[in-house]
Structure formats: structure tokens, C-alpha cells
């Protein structure tokens, strides 16, 4: 068996206007723009250190239905973090819980789903 030699570096979100989502995601994650490829693809990343980048990629077709892949975030104070994100322009969709984990489904300003969860409710 061979060991994988790849590393996840970026999660890309398809959208109609990448630059329109820059403010939300940079404030949500305390990221900055690392590259802007003429508005077709905008790469966001941590202001300091390393971490997974967020790519915002222009696509022509509109979003149809639920995202097949979404980003899950974890926090100690889920309710406060959800309130902060809503204040930035996210929309709260629903809340779920299973033993040991509670999460809130949100959408960014153009409707892409993501979740914020915590192990302490």
C-alpha cells in the first residue's frame, strides 16, 4: 500500500461573482485575499500562518439545490459564532443535534451551505 503524497490546500466555492463574497468570507474566517485572478478565481487564506485556503470561483450556471460538498467549522461557543456570522450576512437555516454534537446549518450571502458545530451544545 502506498502512502498518499497529496495535501488538501483549498476548498473552492462556485459562485456567480467571486469578488462579491470576499468581504463575507474574509471577515468570517479572519482571512485575506492571497490572489485575485481577474475576478474569475479569488484565493483567500489565513492572514498569518498556514491553513486551508478558500477559493471563490466564477461559474456561469446558477446554484441548483443543496451543495453536494460543504464546509464544517467547529467552535466552543456555537450560538455566539452563529450570531456573528448572521451579522456578517449569513442566513441561519436549521439546527441539528446528535449525542455529543450540535450544529447549525447556515448559508453565505449567495446561498452556499456551511455548518458550525460544537460538542457542548
PDB file of N, CA and C in Angstrom:
ATOM      1  N   UNK A   1       0.843  -1.180   0.000  1.00  0.00           N
ATOM      2  CA  UNK A   1       0.000   0.000   0.000  1.00  0.00           C
ATOM      3  C   UNK A   1       0.886   1.240   0.000  1.00  0.00           C
ATOM      4  N   UNK A   2       0.555   2.193  -0.852  1.00  0.00           N
ATOM      5  CA  UNK A   2       1.347   3.422  -0.911  1.00  0.00           C
ATOM      6  C   UNK A   2       0.716   4.498  -0.046  1.00  0.00           C
ATOM      7  N   UNK A   3       1.542   5.386   0.456  1.00  0.00           N
ATOM      8  CA  UNK A   3       1.088   6.499   1.281  1.00  0.00           C
ATOM      9  C   UNK A   3       0.743   7.679   0.370  1.00  0.00           C
ATOM     10  N   UNK A   4      -0.414   8.312   0.618  1.00  0.00           N
ATOM     11  CA  UNK A   4      -0.765   9.469  -0.210  1.00  0.00           C
ATOM     12  C   UNK A   4       0.309  10.560  -0.103  1.00  0.00           C
ATOM     13  N   UNK A   5       0.544  11.231  -1.198  1.00  0.00           N
ATOM     14  CA  UNK A   5       1.532  12.305  -1.215  1.00  0.00           C
ATOM     15  C   UNK A   5       0.872  13.661  -1.441  1.00  0.00           C
ATOM     16  N   UNK A   6      -0.450  13.697  -1.312  1.00  0.00           N
ATOM     17  CA  UNK A   6      -1.142  14.965  -1.533  1.00  0.00           C
ATOM     18  C   UNK A   6      -1.631  15.555  -0.220  1.00  0.00           C
ATOM     19  N   UNK A   7      -1.839  16.863  -0.231  1.00  0.00           N
ATOM     20  CA  UNK A   7      -2.310  17.609   0.930  1.00  0.00           C
ATOM     21  C   UNK A   7      -3.459  18.501   0.491  1.00  0.00           C
ATOM     22  N   UNK A   8      -4.517  18.584   1.294  1.00  0.00           N
ATOM     23  CA  UNK A   8      -5.608  19.487   0.976  1.00  0.00           C
ATOM     24  C   UNK A   8      -5.154  20.910   1.267  1.00  0.00           C
ATOM     25  N   UNK A   9      -5.264  21.781   0.269  1.00  0.00           N
ATOM     26  CA  UNK A   9      -4.814  23.158   0.442  1.00  0.00           C
ATOM     27  C   UNK A   9      -5.934  24.177   0.272  1.00  0.00           C
ATOM     28  N   UNK A  10      -6.968  23.835  -0.516  1.00  0.00           N
ATOM     29  CA  UNK A  10      -8.025  24.794  -0.805  1.00  0.00           C
ATOM     30  C   UNK A  10      -9.362  24.086  -0.948  1.00  0.00           C
ATOM     31  N   UNK A  11     -10.408  24.704  -0.423  1.00  0.00           N
ATOM     32  CA  UNK A  11     -11.780  24.299  -0.687  1.00  0.00           C
ATOM     33  C   UNK A  11     -12.361  25.405  -1.562  1.00  0.00           C
ATOM     34  N   UNK A  12     -12.911  25.050  -2.712  1.00  0.00           N
ATOM     35  CA  UNK A  12     -13.398  26.042  -3.664  1.00  0.00           C
ATOM     36  C   UNK A  12     -14.917  26.101  -3.671  1.00  0.00           C
ATOM     37  N   UNK A  13     -15.427  27.317  -3.642  1.00  0.00           N
ATOM     38  CA  UNK A  13     -16.861  27.573  -3.680  1.00  0.00           C
ATOM     39  C   UNK A  13     -17.193  28.176  -5.040  1.00  0.00           C
ATOM     40  N   UNK A  14     -18.079  27.528  -5.787  1.00  0.00           N
ATOM     41  CA  UNK A  14     -18.535  28.075  -7.059  1.00  0.00           C
ATOM     42  C   UNK A  14     -19.539  29.185  -6.791  1.00  0.00           C
ATOM     43  N   UNK A  15     -19.461  30.256  -7.567  1.00  0.00           N
ATOM     44  CA  UNK A  15     -20.367  31.388  -7.384  1.00  0.00           C
ATOM     45  C   UNK A  15     -20.395  32.229  -8.656  1.00  0.00           C
ATOM     46  N   UNK A  16     -21.393  33.084  -8.780  1.00  0.00           N
ATOM     47  CA  UNK A  16     -21.521  33.941  -9.958  1.00  0.00           C
ATOM     48  C   UNK A  16     -20.520  35.091  -9.945  1.00  0.00           C
ATOM     49  N   UNK A  17     -20.202  35.609  -8.749  1.00  0.00           N
ATOM     50  CA  UNK A  17     -19.316  36.770  -8.628  1.00  0.00           C
ATOM     51  C   UNK A  17     -18.379  36.572  -7.430  1.00  0.00           C
ATOM     52  N   UNK A  18     -17.197  35.999  -7.662  1.00  0.00           N
ATOM     53  CA  UNK A  18     -16.273  35.743  -6.554  1.00  0.00           C
ATOM     54  C   UNK A  18     -15.968  36.965  -5.699  1.00  0.00           C
ATOM     55  N   UNK A  19     -15.774  38.098  -6.312  1.00  0.00           N
ATOM     56  CA  UNK A  19     -15.424  39.292  -5.540  1.00  0.00           C
ATOM     57  C   UNK A  19     -16.547  39.718  -4.595  1.00  0.00           C
ATOM     58  N   UNK A  20     -17.787  39.373  -4.937  1.00  0.00           N
ATOM     59  CA  UNK A  20     -18.916  39.740  -4.076  1.00  0.00           C
ATOM     60  C   UNK A  20     -18.914  38.960  -2.757  1.00  0.00           C
ATOM     61  N   UNK A  21     -18.234  37.827  -2.711  1.00  0.00           N
ATOM     62  CA  UNK A  21     -18.176  37.009  -1.488  1.00  0.00           C
ATOM     63  C   UNK A  21     -16.922  37.254  -0.663  1.00  0.00           C
ATOM     64  N   UNK A  22     -15.978  38.024  -1.188  1.00  0.00           N
ATOM     65  CA  UNK A  22     -14.709  38.246  -0.487  1.00  0.00           C
ATOM     66  C   UNK A  22     -14.929  38.828   0.900  1.00  0.00           C
ATOM     67  N   UNK A  23     -15.726  39.874   1.017  1.00  0.00           N
ATOM     68  CA  UNK A  23     -15.907  40.521   2.318  1.00  0.00           C
ATOM     69  C   UNK A  23     -16.470  39.555   3.352  1.00  0.00           C
ATOM     70  N   UNK A  24     -17.495  38.786   2.982  1.00  0.00           N
ATOM     71  CA  UNK A  24     -18.088  37.848   3.941  1.00  0.00           C
ATOM     72  C   UNK A  24     -17.058  36.832   4.426  1.00  0.00           C
ATOM     73  N   UNK A  25     -16.403  36.121   3.498  1.00  0.00           N
ATOM     74  CA  UNK A  25     -15.507  35.042   3.913  1.00  0.00           C
ATOM     75  C   UNK A  25     -14.232  35.543   4.585  1.00  0.00           C
ATOM     76  N   UNK A  26     -13.707  36.707   4.185  1.00  0.00           N
ATOM     77  CA  UNK A  26     -12.516  37.208   4.871  1.00  0.00           C
ATOM     78  C   UNK A  26     -12.845  37.598   6.306  1.00  0.00           C
ATOM     79  N   UNK A  27     -14.004  38.195   6.522  1.00  0.00           N
ATOM     80  CA  UNK A  27     -14.398  38.554   7.890  1.00  0.00           C
ATOM     81  C   UNK A  27     -14.809  37.323   8.692  1.00  0.00           C
ATOM     82  N   UNK A  28     -15.492  36.391   8.064  1.00  0.00           N
ATOM     83  CA  UNK A  28     -15.940  35.185   8.766  1.00  0.00           C
ATOM     84  C   UNK A  28     -14.759  34.382   9.302  1.00  0.00           C
ATOM     85  N   UNK A  29     -13.677  34.311   8.524  1.00  0.00           N
ATOM     86  CA  UNK A  29     -12.539  33.460   8.883  1.00  0.00           C
ATOM     87  C   UNK A  29     -11.283  34.222   9.290  1.00  0.00           C
ATOM     88  N   UNK A  30     -11.332  35.551   9.281  1.00  0.00           N
ATOM     89  CA  UNK A  30     -10.156  36.383   9.512  1.00  0.00           C
ATOM     90  C   UNK A  30      -9.062  36.019   8.505  1.00  0.00           C
ATOM     91  N   UNK A  31      -9.472  35.901   7.241  1.00  0.00           N
ATOM     92  CA  UNK A  31      -8.590  35.599   6.123  1.00  0.00           C
ATOM     93  C   UNK A  31      -8.342  36.880   5.341  1.00  0.00           C
ATOM     94  N   UNK A  32      -7.456  36.781   4.365  1.00  0.00           N
ATOM     95  CA  UNK A  32      -7.198  37.883   3.453  1.00  0.00           C
ATOM     96  C   UNK A  32      -7.113  37.328   2.036  1.00  0.00           C
ATOM     97  N   UNK A  33      -7.201  38.222   1.056  1.00  0.00           N
ATOM     98  CA  UNK A  33      -7.057  37.819  -0.339  1.00  0.00           C
ATOM     99  C   UNK A  33      -5.586  37.511  -0.591  1.00  0.00           C
ATOM    100  N   UNK A  34      -5.317  36.309  -1.055  1.00  0.00           N
ATOM    101  CA  UNK A  34      -3.953  35.904  -1.390  1.00  0.00           C
ATOM    102  C   UNK A  34      -3.687  36.050  -2.885  1.00  0.00           C
ATOM    103  N   UNK A  35      -4.743  35.901  -3.705  1.00  0.00           N
ATOM    104  CA  UNK A  35      -4.601  36.057  -5.153  1.00  0.00           C
ATOM    105  C   UNK A  35      -5.969  36.361  -5.743  1.00  0.00           C
ATOM    106  N   UNK A  36      -5.981  37.218  -6.753  1.00  0.00           N
ATOM    107  CA  UNK A  36      -7.204  37.537  -7.478  1.00  0.00           C
ATOM    108  C   UNK A  36      -6.870  37.410  -8.958  1.00  0.00           C
ATOM    109  N   UNK A  37      -7.415  36.380  -9.569  1.00  0.00           N
ATOM    110  CA  UNK A  37      -7.135  36.091 -10.965  1.00  0.00           C
ATOM    111  C   UNK A  37      -8.209  36.727 -11.841  1.00  0.00           C
ATOM    112  N   UNK A  38      -8.160  38.051 -11.884  1.00  0.00           N
ATOM    113  CA  UNK A  38      -9.050  38.858 -12.718  1.00  0.00           C
ATOM    114  C   UNK A  38     -10.527  38.614 -12.399  1.00  0.00           C
ATOM    115  N   UNK A  39     -10.825  38.326 -11.131  1.00  0.00           N
ATOM    116  CA  UNK A  39     -12.204  38.128 -10.713  1.00  0.00           C
ATOM    117  C   UNK A  39     -12.770  36.769 -11.066  1.00  0.00           C
ATOM    118  N   UNK A  40     -12.043  35.968 -11.849  1.00  0.00           N
ATOM    119  CA  UNK A  40     -12.521  34.628 -12.187  1.00  0.00           C
ATOM    120  C   UNK A  40     -12.310  33.672 -11.018  1.00  0.00           C
ATOM    121  N   UNK A  41     -11.190  33.814 -10.338  1.00  0.00           N
ATOM    122  CA  UNK A  41     -10.873  32.973  -9.172  1.00  0.00           C
ATOM    123  C   UNK A  41     -10.180  33.859  -8.151  1.00  0.00           C
ATOM    124  N   UNK A  42     -10.702  33.863  -6.921  1.00  0.00           N
ATOM    125  CA  UNK A  42     -10.099  34.622  -5.834  1.00  0.00           C
ATOM    126  C   UNK A  42      -9.716  33.627  -4.752  1.00  0.00           C
ATOM    127  N   UNK A  43      -8.464  33.646  -4.360  1.00  0.00           N
ATOM    128  CA  UNK A  43      -7.967  32.749  -3.323  1.00  0.00           C
ATOM    129  C   UNK A  43      -7.839  33.506  -2.011  1.00  0.00           C
ATOM    130  N   UNK A  44      -8.456  32.981  -0.971  1.00  0.00           N
ATOM    131  CA  UNK A  44      -8.386  33.548   0.372  1.00  0.00           C
ATOM    132  C   UNK A  44      -7.576  32.613   1.252  1.00  0.00           C
ATOM    133  N   UNK A  45      -6.852  33.185   2.215  1.00  0.00           N
ATOM    134  CA  UNK A  45      -6.078  32.355   3.128  1.00  0.00           C
ATOM    135  C   UNK A  45      -5.843  33.077   4.434  1.00  0.00           C
ATOM    136  N   UNK A  46      -5.351  32.348   5.431  1.00  0.00           N
ATOM    137  CA  UNK A  46      -5.093  32.949   6.735  1.00  0.00           C
ATOM    138  C   UNK A  46      -4.145  34.140   6.634  1.00  0.00           C
ATOM    139  N   UNK A  47      -4.423  35.164   7.452  1.00  0.00           N
ATOM    140  CA  UNK A  47      -3.550  36.342   7.471  1.00  0.00           C
ATOM    141  C   UNK A  47      -2.153  35.972   7.939  1.00  0.00           C
ATOM    142  N   UNK A  48      -2.092  35.048   8.883  1.00  0.00           N
ATOM    143  CA  UNK A  48      -0.808  34.599   9.414  1.00  0.00           C
ATOM    144  C   UNK A  48      -0.800  33.085   9.477  1.00  0.00           C
ATOM    145  N   UNK A  49       0.350  32.502   9.321  1.00  0.00           N
ATOM    146  CA  UNK A  49       0.483  31.060   9.434  1.00  0.00           C
ATOM    147  C   UNK A  49      -0.088  30.334   8.231  1.00  0.00           C
ATOM    148  N   UNK A  50      -0.381  29.064   8.433  1.00  0.00           N
ATOM    149  CA  UNK A  50      -0.897  28.239   7.351  1.00  0.00           C
ATOM    150  C   UNK A  50      -2.284  27.728   7.698  1.00  0.00           C
ATOM    151  N   UNK A  51      -2.963  27.276   6.711  1.00  0.00           N
ATOM    152  CA  UNK A  51      -4.298  26.717   6.886  1.00  0.00           C
ATOM    153  C   UNK A  51      -4.920  26.485   5.526  1.00  0.00           C
ATOM    154  N   UNK A  52      -6.058  25.877   5.524  1.00  0.00           N
ATOM    155  CA  UNK A  52      -6.752  25.582   4.281  1.00  0.00           C
ATOM    156  C   UNK A  52      -7.274  26.863   3.647  1.00  0.00           C
ATOM    157  N   UNK A  53      -6.991  27.038   2.379  1.00  0.00           N
ATOM    158  CA  UNK A  53      -7.473  28.199   1.657  1.00  0.00           C
ATOM    159  C   UNK A  53      -8.926  28.028   1.247  1.00  0.00           C
ATOM    160  N   UNK A  54      -9.563  29.142   0.947  1.00  0.00           N
ATOM    161  CA  UNK A  54     -10.907  29.149   0.384  1.00  0.00           C
ATOM    162  C   UNK A  54     -10.789  29.777  -1.001  1.00  0.00           C
ATOM    163  N   UNK A  55     -11.210  29.047  -2.008  1.00  0.00           N
ATOM    164  CA  UNK A  55     -11.239  29.567  -3.363  1.00  0.00           C
ATOM    165  C   UNK A  55     -12.654  29.977  -3.717  1.00  0.00           C
ATOM    166  N   UNK A  56     -12.798  31.108  -4.362  1.00  0.00           N
ATOM    167  CA  UNK A  56     -14.091  31.572  -4.863  1.00  0.00           C
ATOM    168  C   UNK A  56     -13.962  31.583  -6.380  1.00  0.00           C
ATOM    169  N   UNK A  57     -14.716  30.704  -7.038  1.00  0.00           N
ATOM    170  CA  UNK A  57     -14.559  30.505  -8.475  1.00  0.00           C
ATOM    171  C   UNK A  57     -15.828  30.869  -9.225  1.00  0.00           C
ATOM    172  N   UNK A  58     -15.660  31.663 -10.262  1.00  0.00           N
ATOM    173  CA  UNK A  58     -16.797  32.093 -11.067  1.00  0.00           C
ATOM    174  C   UNK A  58     -17.300  30.939 -11.936  1.00  0.00           C
ATOM    175  N   UNK A  59     -18.609  30.721 -11.876  1.00  0.00           N
ATOM    176  CA  UNK A  59     -19.265  29.757 -12.755  1.00  0.00           C
ATOM    177  C   UNK A  59     -20.494  30.435 -13.348  1.00  0.00           C
ATOM    178  N   UNK A  60     -20.854  30.040 -14.531  1.00  0.00           N
ATOM    179  CA  UNK A  60     -21.983  30.659 -15.220  1.00  0.00           C
ATOM    180  C   UNK A  60     -23.330  30.130 -14.736  1.00  0.00           C
ATOM    181  N   UNK A  61     -23.413  28.833 -14.466  1.00  0.00           N
ATOM    182  CA  UNK A  61     -24.689  28.244 -14.099  1.00  0.00           C
ATOM    183  C   UNK A  61     -25.067  28.599 -12.661  1.00  0.00           C
ATOM    184  N   UNK A  62     -26.356  28.873 -12.424  1.00  0.00           N
ATOM    185  CA  UNK A  62     -26.799  29.207 -11.067  1.00  0.00           C
ATOM    186  C   UNK A  62     -26.791  27.984 -10.152  1.00  0.00           C
ATOM    187  N   UNK A  63     -26.719  28.242  -8.867  1.00  0.00           N
ATOM    188  CA  UNK A  63     -26.786  27.166  -7.875  1.00  0.00           C
ATOM    189  C   UNK A  63     -28.144  26.486  -7.991  1.00  0.00           C
ATOM    190  N   UNK A  64     -28.143  25.171  -7.976  1.00  0.00           N
ATOM    191  CA  UNK A  64     -29.391  24.410  -8.076  1.00  0.00           C
ATOM    192  C   UNK A  64     -29.407  23.353  -6.984  1.00  0.00           C
ATOM    193  N   UNK A  65     -30.248  23.542  -5.964  1.00  0.00           N
ATOM    194  CA  UNK A  65     -30.370  22.556  -4.905  1.00  0.00           C
ATOM    195  C   UNK A  65     -29.279  22.661  -3.852  1.00  0.00           C
ATOM    196  N   UNK A  66     -29.200  21.645  -3.031  1.00  0.00           N
ATOM    197  CA  UNK A  66     -28.257  21.598  -1.914  1.00  0.00           C
ATOM    198  C   UNK A  66     -26.843  21.329  -2.413  1.00  0.00           C
ATOM    199  N   UNK A  67     -25.876  21.991  -1.772  1.00  0.00           N
ATOM    200  CA  UNK A  67     -24.469  21.715  -2.099  1.00  0.00           C
ATOM    201  C   UNK A  67     -24.180  20.237  -1.868  1.00  0.00           C
ATOM    202  N   UNK A  68     -23.427  19.625  -2.744  1.00  0.00           N
ATOM    203  CA  UNK A  68     -23.027  18.227  -2.564  1.00  0.00           C
ATOM    204  C   UNK A  68     -21.836  18.121  -1.615  1.00  0.00           C
ATOM    205  N   UNK A  69     -21.075  19.190  -1.470  1.00  0.00           N
ATOM    206  CA  UNK A  69     -19.977  19.266  -0.515  1.00  0.00           C
ATOM    207  C   UNK A  69     -20.124  20.597   0.204  1.00  0.00           C
ATOM    208  N   UNK A  70     -19.898  20.583   1.511  1.00  0.00           N
ATOM    209  CA  UNK A  70     -19.945  21.837   2.253  1.00  0.00           C
ATOM    210  C   UNK A  70     -18.850  21.826   3.308  1.00  0.00           C
ATOM    211  N   UNK A  71     -18.599  22.980   3.898  1.00  0.00           N
ATOM    212  CA  UNK A  71     -17.544  23.119   4.891  1.00  0.00           C
ATOM    213  C   UNK A  71     -18.165  23.049   6.284  1.00  0.00           C
ATOM    214  N   UNK A  72     -17.543  22.288   7.181  1.00  0.00           N
ATOM    215  CA  UNK A  72     -17.953  22.213   8.585  1.00  0.00           C
ATOM    216  C   UNK A  72     -16.904  22.932   9.428  1.00  0.00           C
ATOM    217  N   UNK A  73     -17.369  23.831  10.278  1.00  0.00           N
ATOM    218  CA  UNK A  73     -16.498  24.547  11.202  1.00  0.00           C
ATOM    219  C   UNK A  73     -16.855  24.132  12.624  1.00  0.00           C
ATOM    220  N   UNK A  74     -15.899  24.205  13.526  1.00  0.00           N
ATOM    221  CA  UNK A  74     -16.103  23.851  14.923  1.00  0.00           C
ATOM    222  C   UNK A  74     -15.753  25.046  15.803  1.00  0.00           C
ATOM    223  N   UNK A  75     -16.496  25.208  16.891  1.00  0.00           N
ATOM    224  CA  UNK A  75     -16.265  26.307  17.816  1.00  0.00           C
ATOM    225  C   UNK A  75     -16.729  25.904  19.208  1.00  0.00           C
ATOM    226  N   UNK A  76     -16.208  26.561  20.210  1.00  0.00           N
ATOM    227  CA  UNK A  76     -16.642  26.312  21.580  1.00  0.00           C
ATOM    228  C   UNK A  76     -17.976  26.977  21.886  1.00  0.00           C
ATOM    229  N   UNK A  77     -18.258  28.124  21.258  1.00  0.00           N
ATOM    230  CA  UNK A  77     -19.490  28.873  21.524  1.00  0.00           C
ATOM    231  C   UNK A  77     -20.273  29.012  20.222  1.00  0.00           C
ATOM    232  N   UNK A  78     -20.975  27.953  19.864  1.00  0.00           N
ATOM    233  CA  UNK A  78     -21.684  27.884  18.595  1.00  0.00           C
ATOM    234  C   UNK A  78     -22.699  29.013  18.449  1.00  0.00           C
ATOM    235  N   UNK A  79     -23.489  29.258  19.482  1.00  0.00           N
ATOM    236  CA  UNK A  79     -24.539  30.282  19.380  1.00  0.00           C
ATOM    237  C   UNK A  79     -23.955  31.667  19.115  1.00  0.00           C
ATOM    238  N   UNK A  80     -22.866  32.006  19.788  1.00  0.00           N
ATOM    239  CA  UNK A  80     -22.235  33.312  19.575  1.00  0.00           C
ATOM    240  C   UNK A  80     -21.637  33.392  18.177  1.00  0.00           C
ATOM    241  N   UNK A  81     -21.023  32.314  17.732  1.00  0.00           N
ATOM    242  CA  UNK A  81     -20.414  32.311  16.398  1.00  0.00           C
ATOM    243  C   UNK A  81     -21.480  32.404  15.315  1.00  0.00           C
ATOM    244  N   UNK A  82     -22.586  31.706  15.484  1.00  0.00           N
ATOM    245  CA  UNK A  82     -23.690  31.788  14.522  1.00  0.00           C
ATOM    246  C   UNK A  82     -24.220  33.223  14.475  1.00  0.00           C
ATOM    247  N   UNK A  83     -24.392  33.843  15.625  1.00  0.00           N
ATOM    248  CA  UNK A  83     -24.877  35.229  15.669  1.00  0.00           C
ATOM    249  C   UNK A  83     -23.897  36.164  14.956  1.00  0.00           C
ATOM    250  N   UNK A  84     -22.610  35.959  15.145  1.00  0.00           N
ATOM    251  CA  UNK A  84     -21.593  36.791  14.487  1.00  0.00           C
ATOM    252  C   UNK A  84     -21.678  36.628  12.973  1.00  0.00           C
ATOM    253  N   UNK A  85     -21.801  35.389  12.512  1.00  0.00           N
ATOM    254  CA  UNK A  85     -21.868  35.123  11.074  1.00  0.00           C
ATOM    255  C   UNK A  85     -23.142  35.690  10.455  1.00  0.00           C
ATOM    256  N   UNK A  86     -24.248  35.580  11.164  1.00  0.00           N
ATOM    257  CA  UNK A  86     -25.503  36.181  10.688  1.00  0.00           C
ATOM    258  C   UNK A  86     -25.333  37.699  10.569  1.00  0.00           C
ATOM    259  N   UNK A  87     -24.635  38.294  11.517  1.00  0.00           N
ATOM    260  CA  UNK A  87     -24.361  39.723  11.455  1.00  0.00           C
ATOM    261  C   UNK A  87     -23.514  40.118  10.248  1.00  0.00           C
ATOM    262  N   UNK A  88     -22.724  39.174   9.736  1.00  0.00           N
ATOM    263  CA  UNK A  88     -21.899  39.423   8.552  1.00  0.00           C
ATOM    264  C   UNK A  88     -22.654  39.183   7.246  1.00  0.00           C
ATOM    265  N   UNK A  89     -23.847  38.594   7.337  1.00  0.00           N
ATOM    266  CA  UNK A  89     -24.632  38.348   6.130  1.00  0.00           C
ATOM    267  C   UNK A  89     -25.048  36.916   5.895  1.00  0.00           C
ATOM    268  N   UNK A  90     -24.631  35.992   6.758  1.00  0.00           N
ATOM    269  CA  UNK A  90     -25.074  34.602   6.622  1.00  0.00           C
ATOM    270  C   UNK A  90     -26.549  34.494   7.014  1.00  0.00           C
ATOM    271  N   UNK A  91     -27.180  33.423   6.578  1.00  0.00           N
ATOM    272  CA  UNK A  91     -28.563  33.157   6.967  1.00  0.00           C
ATOM    273  C   UNK A  91     -28.618  31.812   7.668  1.00  0.00           C
ATOM    274  N   UNK A  92     -29.228  31.807   8.836  1.00  0.00           N
ATOM    275  CA  UNK A  92     -29.389  30.569   9.596  1.00  0.00           C
ATOM    276  C   UNK A  92     -30.502  29.745   8.963  1.00  0.00           C
ATOM    277  N   UNK A  93     -30.238  28.460   8.719  1.00  0.00           N
ATOM    278  CA  UNK A  93     -31.205  27.590   8.066  1.00  0.00           C
ATOM    279  C   UNK A  93     -31.890  26.628   9.035  1.00  0.00           C
ATOM    280  N   UNK A  94     -31.095  25.870   9.768  1.00  0.00           N
ATOM    281  CA  UNK A  94     -31.662  24.889  10.701  1.00  0.00           C
ATOM    282  C   UNK A  94     -30.598  24.441  11.688  1.00  0.00           C
ATOM    283  N   UNK A  95     -31.053  23.784  12.745  1.00  0.00           N
ATOM    284  CA  UNK A  95     -30.154  23.282  13.788  1.00  0.00           C
ATOM    285  C   UNK A  95     -30.402  21.784  13.950  1.00  0.00           C
ATOM    286  N   UNK A  96     -29.326  21.048  14.202  1.00  0.00           N
ATOM    287  CA  UNK A  96     -29.412  19.598  14.385  1.00  0.00           C
ATOM    288  C   UNK A  96     -28.586  19.199  15.605  1.00  0.00           C
ATOM    289  N   UNK A  97     -28.942  18.075  16.187  1.00  0.00           N
ATOM    290  CA  UNK A  97     -28.168  17.571  17.321  1.00  0.00           C
ATOM    291  C   UNK A  97     -28.201  16.050  17.336  1.00  0.00           C
ATOM    292  N   UNK A  98     -27.078  15.474  17.683  1.00  0.00           N
ATOM    293  CA  UNK A  98     -26.938  14.060  17.976  1.00  0.00           C
ATOM    294  C   UNK A  98     -26.152  14.009  19.280  1.00  0.00           C
ATOM    295  N   UNK A  99     -26.170  12.905  19.987  1.00  0.00           N
ATOM    296  CA  UNK A  99     -25.407  12.862  21.241  1.00  0.00           C
ATOM    297  C   UNK A  99     -23.947  13.287  21.034  1.00  0.00           C
ATOM    298  N   UNK A 100     -23.545  14.335  21.726  1.00  0.00           N
ATOM    299  CA  UNK A 100     -22.170  14.816  21.672  1.00  0.00           C
ATOM    300  C   UNK A 100     -21.875  15.872  20.628  1.00  0.00           C
ATOM    301  N   UNK A 101     -22.863  16.238  19.790  1.00  0.00           N
ATOM    302  CA  UNK A 101     -22.610  17.235  18.753  1.00  0.00           C
ATOM    303  C   UNK A 101     -23.895  17.976  18.404  1.00  0.00           C
ATOM    304  N   UNK A 102     -23.810  19.297  18.373  1.00  0.00           N
ATOM    305  CA  UNK A 102     -24.905  20.148  17.894  1.00  0.00           C
ATOM    306  C   UNK A 102     -24.326  21.019  16.796  1.00  0.00           C
ATOM    307  N   UNK A 103     -25.080  21.194  15.708  1.00  0.00           N
ATOM    308  CA  UNK A 103     -24.592  22.047  14.632  1.00  0.00           C
ATOM    309  C   UNK A 103     -25.727  22.846  14.025  1.00  0.00           C
ATOM    310  N   UNK A 104     -25.331  23.984  13.473  1.00  0.00           N
ATOM    311  CA  UNK A 104     -26.260  24.883  12.804  1.00  0.00           C
ATOM    312  C   UNK A 104     -25.872  24.948  11.337  1.00  0.00           C
ATOM    313  N   UNK A 105     -26.856  24.778  10.471  1.00  0.00           N
ATOM    314  CA  UNK A 105     -26.652  24.920   9.030  1.00  0.00           C
ATOM    315  C   UNK A 105     -26.917  26.384   8.678  1.00  0.00           C
ATOM    316  N   UNK A 106     -25.975  27.001   7.990  1.00  0.00           N
ATOM    317  CA  UNK A 106     -26.113  28.379   7.537  1.00  0.00           C
ATOM    318  C   UNK A 106     -25.861  28.433   6.032  1.00  0.00           C
ATOM    319  N   UNK A 107     -26.186  29.583   5.438  1.00  0.00           N
ATOM    320  CA  UNK A 107     -25.792  29.837   4.059  1.00  0.00           C
ATOM    321  C   UNK A 107     -25.038  31.159   4.018  1.00  0.00           C
ATOM    322  N   UNK A 108     -24.064  31.244   3.117  1.00  0.00           N
ATOM    323  CA  UNK A 108     -23.362  32.509   2.924  1.00  0.00           C
ATOM    324  C   UNK A 108     -24.302  33.461   2.177  1.00  0.00           C
ATOM    325  N   UNK A 109     -23.902  34.683   1.908  1.00  0.00           N
ATOM    326  CA  UNK A 109     -24.817  35.656   1.295  1.00  0.00           C
ATOM    327  C   UNK A 109     -25.415  35.251  -0.057  1.00  0.00           C
ATOM    328  N   UNK A 110     -24.824  34.287  -0.756  1.00  0.00           N
ATOM    329  CA  UNK A 110     -25.404  33.857  -2.032  1.00  0.00           C
ATOM    330  C   UNK A 110     -25.992  32.452  -1.980  1.00  0.00           C
ATOM    331  N   UNK A 111     -26.098  31.879  -0.778  1.00  0.00           N
ATOM    332  CA  UNK A 111     -26.814  30.618  -0.623  1.00  0.00           C
ATOM    333  C   UNK A 111     -26.000  29.344  -0.513  1.00  0.00           C
ATOM    334  N   UNK A 112     -24.674  29.429  -0.421  1.00  0.00           N
ATOM    335  CA  UNK A 112     -23.848  28.228  -0.246  1.00  0.00           C
ATOM    336  C   UNK A 112     -23.899  27.772   1.202  1.00  0.00           C
ATOM    337  N   UNK A 113     -24.232  26.501   1.417  1.00  0.00           N
ATOM    338  CA  UNK A 113     -24.368  25.971   2.768  1.00  0.00           C
ATOM    339  C   UNK A 113     -23.019  25.712   3.436  1.00  0.00           C
ATOM    340  N   UNK A 114     -22.997  25.930   4.747  1.00  0.00           N
ATOM    341  CA  UNK A 114     -21.883  25.527   5.591  1.00  0.00           C
ATOM    342  C   UNK A 114     -22.438  25.304   6.988  1.00  0.00           C
ATOM    343  N   UNK A 115     -21.700  24.603   7.836  1.00  0.00           N
ATOM    344  CA  UNK A 115     -22.180  24.284   9.184  1.00  0.00           C
ATOM    345  C   UNK A 115     -21.199  24.760  10.236  1.00  0.00           C
ATOM    346  N   UNK A 116     -21.758  25.129  11.382  1.00  0.00           N
ATOM    347  CA  UNK A 116     -20.963  25.492  12.556  1.00  0.00           C
ATOM    348  C   UNK A 116     -21.435  24.594  13.685  1.00  0.00           C
ATOM    349  N   UNK A 117     -20.512  23.808  14.234  1.00  0.00           N
ATOM    350  CA  UNK A 117     -20.880  22.851  15.265  1.00  0.00           C
ATOM    351  C   UNK A 117     -20.048  22.993  16.514  1.00  0.00           C
ATOM    352  N   UNK A 118     -20.564  22.361  17.584  1.00  0.00           N
ATOM    353  CA  UNK A 118     -19.817  22.301  18.833  1.00  0.00           C
ATOM    354  C   UNK A 118     -20.212  21.029  19.576  1.00  0.00           C
ATOM    355  N   UNK A 119     -19.285  20.580  20.385  1.00  0.00           N
ATOM    356  CA  UNK A 119     -19.540  19.365  21.155  1.00  0.00           C
ATOM    357  C   UNK A 119     -20.256  19.649  22.472  1.00  0.00           C
ATOM    358  N   UNK A 120     -20.391  20.929  22.819  1.00  0.00           N
ATOM    359  CA  UNK A 120     -21.005  21.272  24.109  1.00  0.00           C
ATOM    360  C   UNK A 120     -22.351  21.959  23.949  1.00  0.00           C
ATOM    361  N   UNK A 121     -23.002  21.773  22.791  1.00  0.00           N
ATOM    362  CA  UNK A 121     -24.336  22.355  22.585  1.00  0.00           C
ATOM    363  C   UNK A 121     -24.255  23.709  22.087  1.00  0.00           C
TER     364      UNK A 121
END
